[in-house]
Amino acid sequence: MNSEIKRRTRVVGIAPNDASALRLITGVCVEIRDKWLVAERR
């Protein structure tokens, strides 16, 4: 998860404020969680 967050933040560059960085990290975590849930069902 940490490597994906690092990769996404490098792509975006610099976040204009803390709230936007938190939104980015939260989005990554939700996406990874959804992938884990789908994998569990299989």
C-alpha atoms as a PDB file:
ATOM      1  CA  MET A   1       0.000   0.000   0.000  1.00  0.00           C
ATOM      2  CA  ASN A   2       2.815   2.391   0.855  1.00  0.00           C
ATOM      3  CA  SER A   3       4.498   1.906  -2.497  1.00  0.00           C
ATOM      4  CA  GLU A   4       1.257   2.687  -4.343  1.00  0.00           C
ATOM      5  CA  ILE A   5       0.759   5.866  -2.292  1.00  0.00           C
ATOM      6  CA  LYS A   6       4.355   6.927  -3.051  1.00  0.00           C
ATOM      7  CA  ARG A   7       3.843   6.223  -6.749  1.00  0.00           C
ATOM      8  CA  ARG A   8       0.615   8.231  -6.917  1.00  0.00           C
ATOM      9  CA  THR A   9       2.062  11.200  -5.033  1.00  0.00           C
ATOM     10  CA  ARG A  10       5.060  11.275  -7.401  1.00  0.00           C
ATOM     11  CA  VAL A  11       2.686  11.352 -10.385  1.00  0.00           C
ATOM     12  CA  VAL A  12       0.674  14.234  -8.928  1.00  0.00           C
ATOM     13  CA  GLY A  13       3.781  16.142  -7.898  1.00  0.00           C
ATOM     14  CA  ILE A  14       3.091  18.571  -5.105  1.00  0.00           C
ATOM     15  CA  ALA A  15      -0.234  18.780  -3.297  1.00  0.00           C
ATOM     16  CA  PRO A  16      -1.555  22.330  -2.876  1.00  0.00           C
ATOM     17  CA  ASN A  17      -2.599  21.691   0.737  1.00  0.00           C
ATOM     18  CA  ASP A  18      -2.968  18.984   3.386  1.00  0.00           C
ATOM     19  CA  ALA A  19      -6.612  18.306   2.530  1.00  0.00           C
ATOM     20  CA  SER A  20      -5.840  17.455  -1.092  1.00  0.00           C
ATOM     21  CA  ALA A  21      -3.006  15.134  -0.054  1.00  0.00           C
ATOM     22  CA  LEU A  22      -5.330  13.405   2.398  1.00  0.00           C
ATOM     23  CA  ARG A  23      -7.982  12.963  -0.326  1.00  0.00           C
ATOM     24  CA  LEU A  24      -5.396  11.370  -2.610  1.00  0.00           C
ATOM     25  CA  ILE A  25      -4.181   8.963   0.078  1.00  0.00           C
ATOM     26  CA  THR A  26      -7.737   8.097   1.133  1.00  0.00           C
ATOM     27  CA  GLY A  27      -8.682   7.370  -2.475  1.00  0.00           C
ATOM     28  CA  VAL A  28      -5.730   5.024  -2.881  1.00  0.00           C
ATOM     29  CA  CYS A  29      -6.622   3.198   0.353  1.00  0.00           C
ATOM     30  CA  VAL A  30     -10.266   2.797  -0.682  1.00  0.00           C
ATOM     31  CA  GLU A  31      -9.257   1.488  -4.106  1.00  0.00           C
ATOM     32  CA  ILE A  32      -6.871  -1.080  -2.606  1.00  0.00           C
ATOM     33  CA  ARG A  33      -9.496  -2.132  -0.044  1.00  0.00           C
ATOM     34  CA  ASP A  34     -12.029  -2.698  -2.824  1.00  0.00           C
ATOM     35  CA  LYS A  35      -9.531  -4.886  -4.696  1.00  0.00           C
ATOM     36  CA  TRP A  36      -8.932  -6.924  -1.530  1.00  0.00           C
ATOM     37  CA  LEU A  37     -12.664  -7.418  -1.007  1.00  0.00           C
ATOM     38  CA  VAL A  38     -13.163  -8.635  -4.560  1.00  0.00           C
ATOM     39  CA  ALA A  39     -10.197 -11.008  -4.228  1.00  0.00           C
ATOM     40  CA  GLU A  40     -11.633 -12.402  -0.969  1.00  0.00           C
ATOM     41  CA  ARG A  41     -14.919 -13.311  -2.639  1.00  0.00           C
ATOM     42  CA  ARG A  42     -13.178 -15.357  -5.329  1.00  0.00           C
END
